[in-house]
Each structure stands twice: as structure tokens, then as C-alpha cells.
N, C-alpha and C. Protein backbone atom coordinates (compact mmCIF):
# COMPACT_ATOMS: atom_id res chain seq x y z
N UNK A 1 41.95 29.70 -50.84
CA UNK A 1 42.27 30.26 -49.50
C UNK A 1 40.85 30.98 -49.01
N UNK A 2 40.80 30.56 -47.77
CA UNK A 2 39.32 31.12 -47.00
C UNK A 2 39.41 32.60 -47.16
N UNK A 3 38.12 33.16 -46.81
CA UNK A 3 37.90 34.63 -46.79
C UNK A 3 38.60 35.17 -45.67
N UNK A 4 38.66 34.30 -44.52
CA UNK A 4 39.32 35.10 -43.42
C UNK A 4 40.59 35.15 -43.52
N UNK A 5 41.29 34.17 -44.15
CA UNK A 5 42.76 34.14 -44.45
C UNK A 5 43.10 35.31 -45.37
N UNK A 6 42.31 35.45 -46.41
CA UNK A 6 42.45 36.55 -47.53
C UNK A 6 42.26 37.92 -46.61
N UNK A 7 41.17 38.04 -45.95
CA UNK A 7 41.11 39.32 -45.20
C UNK A 7 42.28 39.72 -44.22
N UNK A 8 42.60 38.70 -43.64
CA UNK A 8 43.78 38.89 -42.74
C UNK A 8 45.15 39.25 -43.50
N UNK A 9 45.31 38.56 -44.50
CA UNK A 9 46.39 38.73 -45.42
C UNK A 9 46.44 40.24 -45.93
N UNK A 10 45.26 40.75 -46.21
CA UNK A 10 45.07 42.07 -46.79
C UNK A 10 45.43 43.11 -45.62
N UNK A 11 44.70 42.86 -44.60
CA UNK A 11 44.96 43.60 -43.39
C UNK A 11 46.40 43.93 -43.06
N UNK A 12 47.21 42.64 -42.95
CA UNK A 12 48.58 42.73 -42.78
C UNK A 12 49.58 43.47 -43.88
N UNK A 13 49.08 43.53 -44.99
CA UNK A 13 49.63 44.17 -46.15
C UNK A 13 49.28 45.59 -45.84
N UNK A 14 48.16 46.02 -45.56
CA UNK A 14 48.10 47.30 -45.42
C UNK A 14 48.73 47.97 -43.98
N UNK A 15 48.75 47.17 -43.18
CA UNK A 15 49.44 47.47 -41.77
C UNK A 15 51.04 47.70 -42.13
N UNK A 16 51.47 46.93 -42.91
CA UNK A 16 52.94 46.74 -43.21
C UNK A 16 53.41 47.86 -44.25
N UNK A 17 52.58 48.18 -45.26
CA UNK A 17 52.81 48.93 -46.26
C UNK A 17 52.80 50.51 -45.90
N UNK A 18 53.14 51.13 -47.08
CA UNK A 18 53.11 52.62 -46.98
C UNK A 18 51.85 53.10 -47.62
N UNK A 19 50.72 52.73 -46.84
CA UNK A 19 49.41 53.21 -47.47
C UNK A 19 48.87 54.25 -46.46
N UNK A 20 48.15 55.15 -47.30
CA UNK A 20 47.58 56.30 -46.44
C UNK A 20 46.03 56.37 -46.88
N UNK A 21 45.24 57.08 -45.77
CA UNK A 21 44.02 57.54 -46.13
C UNK A 21 43.70 58.67 -45.75
N UNK A 22 42.67 59.44 -46.24
CA UNK A 22 42.44 60.92 -45.84
C UNK A 22 41.29 60.75 -44.83
N UNK A 23 41.63 61.54 -43.54
CA UNK A 23 40.77 61.59 -42.50
C UNK A 23 39.50 62.25 -42.87
N UNK A 24 38.32 61.73 -42.92
CA UNK A 24 37.02 62.27 -43.07
C UNK A 24 36.60 63.46 -42.43
N UNK A 25 37.27 63.53 -41.15
CA UNK A 25 36.89 64.83 -40.21
C UNK A 25 37.95 65.95 -40.48
N UNK A 26 39.09 65.79 -40.44
CA UNK A 26 39.93 66.94 -40.74
C UNK A 26 40.67 66.90 -41.99
N UNK A 27 40.61 66.00 -42.90
CA UNK A 27 41.12 66.03 -44.24
C UNK A 27 42.69 65.68 -44.39
N UNK A 28 43.26 65.48 -43.21
CA UNK A 28 44.63 65.11 -43.22
C UNK A 28 44.90 63.63 -43.69
N UNK A 29 46.08 63.45 -44.09
CA UNK A 29 46.50 62.02 -44.52
C UNK A 29 46.93 61.13 -43.18
N UNK A 30 46.55 59.90 -43.15
CA UNK A 30 46.70 59.18 -42.00
C UNK A 30 47.31 57.84 -42.38
N UNK A 31 48.56 57.52 -42.07
CA UNK A 31 49.05 56.05 -42.30
C UNK A 31 48.25 55.07 -41.84
N UNK A 32 47.90 54.01 -42.58
CA UNK A 32 46.83 52.95 -42.33
C UNK A 32 47.44 52.15 -41.32
N UNK A 33 48.75 51.92 -41.16
CA UNK A 33 49.56 51.07 -40.25
C UNK A 33 49.13 51.67 -38.88
N UNK A 34 48.85 53.01 -38.66
CA UNK A 34 48.73 53.73 -37.33
C UNK A 34 47.11 53.78 -36.99
N UNK A 35 46.33 53.18 -37.83
CA UNK A 35 44.82 53.17 -37.61
C UNK A 35 44.28 52.15 -36.87
N UNK A 36 45.14 50.91 -36.63
CA UNK A 36 44.47 49.71 -35.82
C UNK A 36 43.49 48.87 -36.51
N UNK A 37 43.87 48.58 -37.99
CA UNK A 37 42.92 47.94 -38.72
C UNK A 37 43.02 46.47 -38.12
N UNK A 38 41.67 45.83 -38.52
CA UNK A 38 41.57 44.52 -38.09
C UNK A 38 40.55 43.85 -38.85
N UNK A 39 40.49 42.50 -39.10
CA UNK A 39 39.61 41.74 -39.82
C UNK A 39 38.39 41.16 -39.15
N UNK A 40 37.27 41.54 -39.21
CA UNK A 40 35.91 40.97 -38.58
C UNK A 40 36.21 41.06 -37.12
N UNK A 41 36.20 39.88 -36.45
CA UNK A 41 36.31 39.88 -35.01
C UNK A 41 37.72 39.51 -34.47
N UNK A 42 38.80 39.70 -35.37
CA UNK A 42 40.04 39.32 -35.14
C UNK A 42 40.73 40.81 -34.63
N UNK A 43 40.22 41.24 -33.50
CA UNK A 43 40.60 42.53 -32.90
C UNK A 43 42.06 42.56 -32.52
N UNK A 44 42.51 44.16 -32.82
CA UNK A 44 43.72 44.37 -32.27
C UNK A 44 43.47 44.61 -30.65
N UNK A 45 44.52 44.77 -30.03
CA UNK A 45 44.37 44.85 -28.52
C UNK A 45 43.63 46.16 -28.30
N UNK A 46 43.69 47.20 -28.99
CA UNK A 46 43.07 48.62 -28.87
C UNK A 46 41.56 48.35 -29.13
N UNK A 47 41.46 47.69 -30.39
CA UNK A 47 39.97 47.67 -30.72
C UNK A 47 39.22 46.60 -29.83
N UNK A 48 39.94 45.60 -29.06
CA UNK A 48 39.13 44.70 -28.32
C UNK A 48 38.82 45.51 -27.03
N UNK A 49 39.70 46.50 -26.49
CA UNK A 49 39.42 47.31 -25.46
C UNK A 49 38.26 48.08 -25.72
N UNK A 50 38.43 48.89 -26.80
CA UNK A 50 37.19 49.62 -27.28
C UNK A 50 35.98 48.90 -27.50
N UNK A 51 36.00 47.76 -27.99
CA UNK A 51 34.80 46.98 -28.23
C UNK A 51 34.15 46.59 -26.98
N UNK A 52 34.92 46.17 -25.94
CA UNK A 52 34.51 45.79 -24.56
C UNK A 52 33.89 47.13 -23.84
N UNK A 53 34.27 48.22 -24.26
CA UNK A 53 34.07 49.36 -23.52
C UNK A 53 32.64 49.86 -24.21
N UNK A 54 32.37 49.51 -25.33
CA UNK A 54 31.13 49.81 -26.02
C UNK A 54 30.18 48.95 -25.59
N UNK A 55 30.45 47.56 -25.32
CA UNK A 55 29.62 46.51 -24.81
C UNK A 55 29.07 46.96 -23.43
N UNK A 56 30.08 47.44 -22.67
CA UNK A 56 29.55 47.89 -21.14
C UNK A 56 28.55 48.93 -21.32
N UNK A 57 29.00 50.02 -22.20
CA UNK A 57 27.92 51.26 -22.54
C UNK A 57 26.48 50.58 -22.77
N UNK A 58 26.59 49.55 -23.74
CA UNK A 58 25.30 49.23 -24.24
C UNK A 58 24.45 48.52 -23.09
N UNK A 59 25.29 47.62 -22.30
CA UNK A 59 24.50 47.10 -21.14
C UNK A 59 24.01 48.25 -20.09
N UNK A 60 24.71 49.09 -19.83
CA UNK A 60 24.35 50.17 -19.09
C UNK A 60 23.07 51.01 -19.61
N UNK A 61 23.27 51.06 -21.06
CA UNK A 61 22.10 51.90 -21.64
C UNK A 61 20.81 51.08 -21.65
N UNK A 62 21.03 49.67 -21.76
CA UNK A 62 19.77 48.83 -21.85
C UNK A 62 19.05 48.88 -20.38
N UNK A 63 19.94 48.70 -19.35
CA UNK A 63 19.49 48.77 -18.07
C UNK A 63 18.77 50.17 -17.70
N UNK A 64 19.29 51.22 -18.10
CA UNK A 64 18.70 52.66 -18.02
C UNK A 64 17.34 52.72 -18.74
N UNK A 65 17.26 52.10 -19.91
CA UNK A 65 15.85 51.89 -20.68
C UNK A 65 14.88 51.18 -20.02
N UNK A 66 15.41 50.05 -19.57
CA UNK A 66 14.49 49.18 -18.72
C UNK A 66 13.95 49.88 -17.49
N UNK A 67 14.53 50.72 -16.79
CA UNK A 67 14.35 51.50 -15.59
C UNK A 67 13.33 52.52 -15.97
N UNK A 68 13.62 53.24 -17.20
CA UNK A 68 12.77 54.37 -17.63
C UNK A 68 11.33 53.70 -18.04
N UNK A 69 11.35 52.53 -18.68
CA UNK A 69 10.10 51.86 -19.16
C UNK A 69 9.35 51.59 -17.67
N UNK A 70 9.98 51.09 -16.78
CA UNK A 70 9.18 50.70 -15.38
C UNK A 70 8.77 51.97 -14.70
N UNK A 71 9.60 53.11 -14.79
CA UNK A 71 9.10 54.46 -14.31
C UNK A 71 7.89 54.83 -15.07
N UNK A 72 7.78 54.78 -16.43
CA UNK A 72 6.69 55.26 -17.28
C UNK A 72 5.55 54.46 -16.96
N UNK A 73 5.74 53.14 -16.81
CA UNK A 73 4.52 52.34 -16.35
C UNK A 73 3.69 52.91 -14.99
N UNK A 74 4.83 53.10 -14.12
CA UNK A 74 4.25 53.31 -12.87
C UNK A 74 3.74 54.77 -12.80
N UNK A 75 4.15 55.80 -13.49
CA UNK A 75 3.71 57.07 -13.68
C UNK A 75 2.38 57.04 -14.45
N UNK A 76 2.08 56.04 -15.34
CA UNK A 76 0.93 56.01 -16.13
C UNK A 76 -0.16 55.71 -15.16
N UNK A 77 0.32 54.59 -14.16
CA UNK A 77 -0.82 54.08 -13.31
C UNK A 77 -1.21 55.08 -12.36
N UNK A 78 0.01 55.91 -11.88
CA UNK A 78 -0.38 57.00 -10.82
C UNK A 78 -1.19 58.07 -11.37
N UNK A 79 -0.87 58.37 -12.66
CA UNK A 79 -1.74 59.27 -13.57
C UNK A 79 -3.12 58.86 -13.48
N UNK A 80 -3.45 57.60 -14.06
CA UNK A 80 -4.79 57.10 -14.03
C UNK A 80 -5.39 57.17 -12.88
N UNK A 81 -4.95 56.85 -11.68
CA UNK A 81 -5.44 56.87 -10.38
C UNK A 81 -5.84 58.28 -9.99
N UNK A 82 -5.13 59.29 -10.51
CA UNK A 82 -5.25 60.58 -10.02
C UNK A 82 -6.46 61.07 -10.98
N UNK A 83 -6.59 60.79 -12.10
CA UNK A 83 -7.83 61.17 -12.91
C UNK A 83 -9.08 60.46 -12.47
N UNK A 84 -8.95 59.20 -11.87
CA UNK A 84 -10.18 58.55 -11.42
C UNK A 84 -10.57 59.21 -10.21
N UNK A 85 -9.66 59.57 -9.39
CA UNK A 85 -9.91 60.41 -7.99
C UNK A 85 -10.48 61.59 -8.29
N UNK A 86 -9.93 62.41 -9.41
CA UNK A 86 -10.53 63.61 -9.74
C UNK A 86 -11.90 63.48 -10.09
N UNK A 87 -12.31 62.52 -10.84
CA UNK A 87 -13.56 62.37 -11.25
C UNK A 87 -14.72 62.13 -10.02
N UNK A 88 -14.09 61.28 -9.15
CA UNK A 88 -15.10 61.02 -7.96
C UNK A 88 -15.15 62.34 -7.16
N UNK A 89 -13.96 63.19 -7.10
CA UNK A 89 -14.19 64.42 -6.12
C UNK A 89 -15.05 65.39 -6.98
N UNK A 90 -15.09 65.49 -8.23
CA UNK A 90 -16.03 66.19 -9.02
C UNK A 90 -17.41 66.03 -8.69
N UNK A 91 -17.83 64.78 -8.34
CA UNK A 91 -19.11 64.45 -8.09
C UNK A 91 -19.51 64.75 -6.70
N UNK A 92 -18.35 64.61 -5.73
CA UNK A 92 -18.67 64.91 -4.20
C UNK A 92 -18.34 66.22 -4.08
N UNK A 93 -17.88 67.19 -4.88
CA UNK A 93 -17.46 68.44 -4.40
C UNK A 93 -18.69 69.32 -3.86
N UNK A 94 -19.87 69.19 -4.42
CA UNK A 94 -20.84 69.96 -3.80
C UNK A 94 -21.35 69.56 -2.33
N UNK A 95 -21.02 68.39 -1.88
CA UNK A 95 -21.15 67.90 -0.42
C UNK A 95 -20.12 68.36 0.34
N UNK A 96 -19.06 68.86 -0.02
CA UNK A 96 -17.95 69.38 0.93
C UNK A 96 -18.28 70.61 1.41
N UNK A 97 -17.67 70.85 2.70
CA UNK A 97 -17.97 71.93 3.38
C UNK A 97 -17.39 73.18 2.83
N UNK A 98 -16.19 73.14 2.02
CA UNK A 98 -15.52 74.14 1.43
C UNK A 98 -16.09 74.60 0.11
N UNK A 99 -17.37 73.79 -0.39
CA UNK A 99 -17.90 74.11 -1.68
C UNK A 99 -18.36 75.44 -1.45
N UNK A 100 -18.21 76.52 -2.38
CA UNK A 100 -18.74 77.91 -2.21
C UNK A 100 -20.00 78.07 -2.62
N UNK A 101 -20.69 77.18 -3.22
CA UNK A 101 -22.19 77.28 -3.63
C UNK A 101 -23.15 76.43 -2.93
N UNK A 102 -24.26 76.71 -2.84
CA UNK A 102 -25.35 75.77 -2.48
C UNK A 102 -25.56 74.66 -3.23
N UNK A 103 -25.40 73.55 -2.74
CA UNK A 103 -25.35 72.40 -3.52
C UNK A 103 -26.73 72.09 -4.16
N UNK A 104 -27.81 72.83 -3.83
CA UNK A 104 -29.21 72.39 -4.29
C UNK A 104 -29.36 73.37 -5.47
N UNK A 105 -28.38 74.28 -5.71
CA UNK A 105 -28.40 75.18 -6.64
C UNK A 105 -27.65 74.51 -8.03
N UNK A 106 -26.85 73.51 -7.73
CA UNK A 106 -25.98 72.85 -8.71
C UNK A 106 -26.85 71.87 -9.56
N UNK A 107 -26.35 71.87 -10.81
CA UNK A 107 -26.92 70.89 -11.80
C UNK A 107 -25.74 70.28 -12.65
N UNK A 108 -25.63 68.94 -12.49
CA UNK A 108 -24.37 68.31 -13.03
C UNK A 108 -24.44 67.99 -14.42
N UNK A 109 -23.29 68.14 -15.27
CA UNK A 109 -23.26 67.81 -16.54
C UNK A 109 -22.06 66.88 -16.71
N UNK A 110 -20.90 67.25 -15.90
CA UNK A 110 -19.73 66.60 -15.72
C UNK A 110 -19.03 66.30 -17.18
N UNK A 111 -19.65 66.60 -18.28
CA UNK A 111 -18.86 66.87 -19.56
C UNK A 111 -19.59 67.80 -20.42
N UNK A 112 -18.95 68.71 -21.06
CA UNK A 112 -17.73 69.06 -20.94
C UNK A 112 -17.25 69.96 -19.79
N UNK A 113 -18.31 70.41 -18.87
CA UNK A 113 -18.06 70.92 -17.78
C UNK A 113 -18.77 70.30 -16.65
N UNK A 114 -18.38 70.54 -15.40
CA UNK A 114 -18.98 69.81 -14.28
C UNK A 114 -20.40 70.06 -13.97
N UNK A 115 -20.49 71.54 -13.68
CA UNK A 115 -21.86 72.15 -12.99
C UNK A 115 -22.18 73.14 -13.72
N UNK A 116 -23.65 73.46 -13.82
CA UNK A 116 -24.14 74.79 -14.05
C UNK A 116 -24.95 75.04 -12.77
N UNK A 117 -24.52 76.29 -12.12
CA UNK A 117 -25.20 76.52 -10.84
C UNK A 117 -26.07 77.76 -11.14
N UNK A 118 -27.36 77.66 -10.66
CA UNK A 118 -28.43 78.57 -10.64
C UNK A 118 -28.39 79.24 -9.27
N UNK A 119 -27.51 80.19 -8.98
CA UNK A 119 -27.37 80.82 -7.76
C UNK A 119 -28.43 81.57 -7.26
N UNK A 120 -29.05 81.06 -5.98
CA UNK A 120 -30.20 81.60 -5.38
C UNK A 120 -31.47 80.84 -5.59
N UNK A 121 -31.39 79.94 -6.27
CA UNK A 121 -32.55 79.11 -6.74
C UNK A 121 -33.23 78.40 -5.67
N UNK A 122 -32.42 77.70 -4.79
CA UNK A 122 -32.93 76.90 -3.75
C UNK A 122 -33.53 77.73 -2.71
N UNK A 123 -32.58 78.76 -2.30
CA UNK A 123 -32.91 79.49 -0.98
C UNK A 123 -33.92 80.51 -1.26
N UNK A 124 -33.91 81.30 -2.39
CA UNK A 124 -34.77 82.35 -2.55
C UNK A 124 -35.75 82.12 -3.69
N UNK A 125 -35.74 80.99 -4.43
CA UNK A 125 -36.57 80.74 -5.39
C UNK A 125 -36.55 81.64 -6.60
N UNK A 126 -35.38 82.21 -6.61
CA UNK A 126 -35.08 83.16 -7.82
C UNK A 126 -33.65 83.16 -8.13
N UNK A 127 -33.41 82.94 -9.58
CA UNK A 127 -32.11 82.85 -9.87
C UNK A 127 -31.33 84.13 -10.02
N UNK A 128 -30.35 84.30 -9.38
CA UNK A 128 -29.63 85.80 -9.38
C UNK A 128 -28.43 85.78 -10.52
N UNK A 129 -28.05 84.68 -10.58
CA UNK A 129 -26.90 84.39 -11.42
C UNK A 129 -26.85 82.98 -11.86
N UNK A 130 -26.40 82.88 -13.04
CA UNK A 130 -26.03 81.35 -13.72
C UNK A 130 -24.37 81.33 -13.71
N UNK A 131 -23.83 80.31 -13.18
CA UNK A 131 -22.53 80.11 -13.25
C UNK A 131 -21.96 78.65 -13.77
N UNK A 132 -21.22 78.72 -14.67
CA UNK A 132 -20.76 77.34 -15.20
C UNK A 132 -19.46 77.16 -14.60
N UNK A 133 -19.19 76.02 -14.05
CA UNK A 133 -18.00 75.74 -13.25
C UNK A 133 -17.57 74.31 -13.50
N UNK A 134 -16.30 74.25 -13.42
CA UNK A 134 -15.71 72.99 -13.41
C UNK A 134 -14.70 72.67 -12.05
N UNK A 135 -14.58 71.67 -11.74
CA UNK A 135 -13.92 71.25 -10.45
C UNK A 135 -12.60 70.63 -10.91
N UNK A 136 -11.60 71.15 -10.28
CA UNK A 136 -10.19 70.69 -10.57
C UNK A 136 -9.48 70.38 -9.26
N UNK A 137 -8.63 69.39 -9.41
CA UNK A 137 -7.81 69.03 -8.11
C UNK A 137 -6.38 69.07 -8.73
N UNK A 138 -5.70 69.38 -7.45
CA UNK A 138 -4.07 69.38 -7.81
C UNK A 138 -3.65 70.51 -8.84
N UNK A 139 -2.90 70.12 -9.73
CA UNK A 139 -2.41 71.27 -10.82
C UNK A 139 -3.07 71.17 -12.09
N UNK A 140 -4.19 70.31 -11.89
CA UNK A 140 -5.08 70.24 -13.26
C UNK A 140 -5.60 71.42 -13.79
N UNK A 141 -5.57 71.62 -15.12
CA UNK A 141 -6.13 72.85 -15.75
C UNK A 141 -7.17 72.48 -16.51
N UNK A 142 -7.82 73.57 -17.28
CA UNK A 142 -9.01 73.40 -18.01
C UNK A 142 -8.46 72.59 -19.41
N UNK A 143 -9.37 71.72 -19.80
CA UNK A 143 -9.08 71.21 -21.15
C UNK A 143 -9.52 72.25 -22.32
N UNK A 144 -9.09 71.78 -23.45
CA UNK A 144 -9.31 72.52 -24.72
C UNK A 144 -10.93 72.91 -24.81
N UNK A 145 -11.73 72.09 -24.71
CA UNK A 145 -13.27 72.32 -24.83
C UNK A 145 -13.57 73.23 -23.65
N UNK A 146 -13.18 72.99 -22.48
CA UNK A 146 -13.58 73.87 -21.35
C UNK A 146 -13.11 75.30 -21.47
N UNK A 147 -11.74 75.53 -22.08
CA UNK A 147 -11.30 76.90 -22.32
C UNK A 147 -12.14 77.51 -23.36
N UNK A 148 -12.61 76.71 -24.51
CA UNK A 148 -13.54 77.25 -25.47
C UNK A 148 -14.84 77.79 -24.75
N UNK A 149 -15.30 77.01 -23.97
CA UNK A 149 -16.70 77.25 -23.33
C UNK A 149 -16.40 78.67 -22.52
N UNK A 150 -15.32 78.57 -21.80
CA UNK A 150 -15.02 79.88 -20.77
C UNK A 150 -14.83 80.99 -21.70
N UNK A 151 -14.14 80.97 -22.84
CA UNK A 151 -14.03 82.13 -23.80
C UNK A 151 -15.47 82.63 -24.29
N UNK A 152 -16.29 81.51 -24.66
CA UNK A 152 -17.48 82.00 -25.15
C UNK A 152 -18.41 82.75 -23.99
N UNK A 153 -18.32 82.15 -22.79
CA UNK A 153 -19.08 82.69 -21.71
C UNK A 153 -18.49 84.13 -21.47
N UNK A 154 -16.98 84.37 -21.52
CA UNK A 154 -16.47 85.58 -21.18
C UNK A 154 -16.84 86.69 -22.31
N UNK A 155 -17.02 86.09 -23.38
CA UNK A 155 -17.37 87.08 -24.55
C UNK A 155 -18.76 87.35 -24.92
N UNK A 156 -19.56 86.75 -23.73
CA UNK A 156 -21.05 86.92 -23.77
C UNK A 156 -21.77 86.24 -24.88
N UNK A 157 -21.11 85.16 -25.49
CA UNK A 157 -21.84 84.51 -26.56
C UNK A 157 -22.70 83.38 -26.00
N UNK A 158 -23.56 83.51 -25.04
CA UNK A 158 -24.62 82.59 -24.46
C UNK A 158 -25.72 83.09 -24.81
N UNK A 159 -26.52 82.15 -25.33
CA UNK A 159 -27.95 82.54 -26.00
C UNK A 159 -29.05 81.54 -25.21
N UNK A 160 -30.27 82.19 -25.15
CA UNK A 160 -31.41 81.39 -24.64
C UNK A 160 -32.13 80.91 -26.04
N UNK A 161 -32.46 79.62 -25.84
CA UNK A 161 -33.33 79.21 -26.72
C UNK A 161 -34.39 78.26 -26.36
N UNK A 162 -35.60 78.22 -26.85
CA UNK A 162 -36.65 77.49 -26.47
C UNK A 162 -36.99 76.62 -27.75
N UNK A 163 -36.98 75.24 -27.34
CA UNK A 163 -37.39 74.20 -28.27
C UNK A 163 -38.88 73.84 -28.00
N UNK A 164 -39.83 73.93 -28.91
CA UNK A 164 -41.19 73.61 -28.83
C UNK A 164 -41.65 72.78 -29.93
N UNK A 165 -42.06 71.49 -29.42
CA UNK A 165 -42.60 70.66 -30.32
C UNK A 165 -44.00 70.85 -30.83
N UNK A 166 -44.33 70.49 -31.93
CA UNK A 166 -45.70 70.82 -32.27
C UNK A 166 -46.56 69.63 -32.23
């Protein structure tokens, strides 16, 4: 006898007999003939309906995941463009009319901060103040290293040092 025939025969016996199982959720006894048993893909009508329902759910889920992947790719490209535009604007900022410092006082670093500004140097030939600044666009915030530098400056942990070669 083939496995399928044996399996079908066993399922039929269980469905016709007086066999019970304990529900793993509630602990109550359930008659196996009321559970809709079937062998492999030889579905009962209820199982066939549930199976088709699950197949449709899987198709919908796959479609949703494809759409999410597409959006992630698009978002990544937009994010990369925004970063690149930000880097360009960092370099152009001193030339903009709204830039609050004299561009001739600015010295560019760009990493980890954008500029060190020697306020007063160009006009008066005398530095009144040294300003560490970073240019941001949109909702961008300071990065970890920039926050650390800001904290050091705020805590007056800035030191002058002269390196002299002999």
C-alpha cells in the first residue's frame, strides 16, 4: 500500500472514530472528527479555503515588501543627494548674503567641523573672538564628534600649543 493511501486511511479512521486530543491553547478535549484533518495536500473544503486565503495573504505581503524595498532604495538615493547638497552648501556658505560672519575671517576644516572663524581679523587686523562653527541644512544636527568638540569648547577645554622644530 502506498504512503498516500495509508495516510488517507489513517485520517479516515481518525475522522470516523471516537478519538480526542487536548487543545494546546485552552486544555479542553476536542473530537478529532471535528478538527478537519487531512493528509498532505488532500485538503478538506475548509482547509482548502483557509489554504487559499493564506496564499492570497502571502502574495499581498510579498507585494508590500517589494514596495517597501523600492521606497527604501528611493529614500536612500534622496538621502545621499541631500548629504551631497549639504556638503556643497557647507563650502558655499561664507559666500551667501545671509552668512553672519566675514568670509575673509573663515578658515575651512570641513572635518570634523566646517570652519574656525577669527572674528575681526580681516577688517581690523585683530582677532576679537575665535568661533568654531558647523554649517547645517534642513533638520540635520551635530554628529557625535561635533557634539564632543562643542562640549570641550563649552567646558573651556581649549588649549594653545606651539610646535617648534629644532
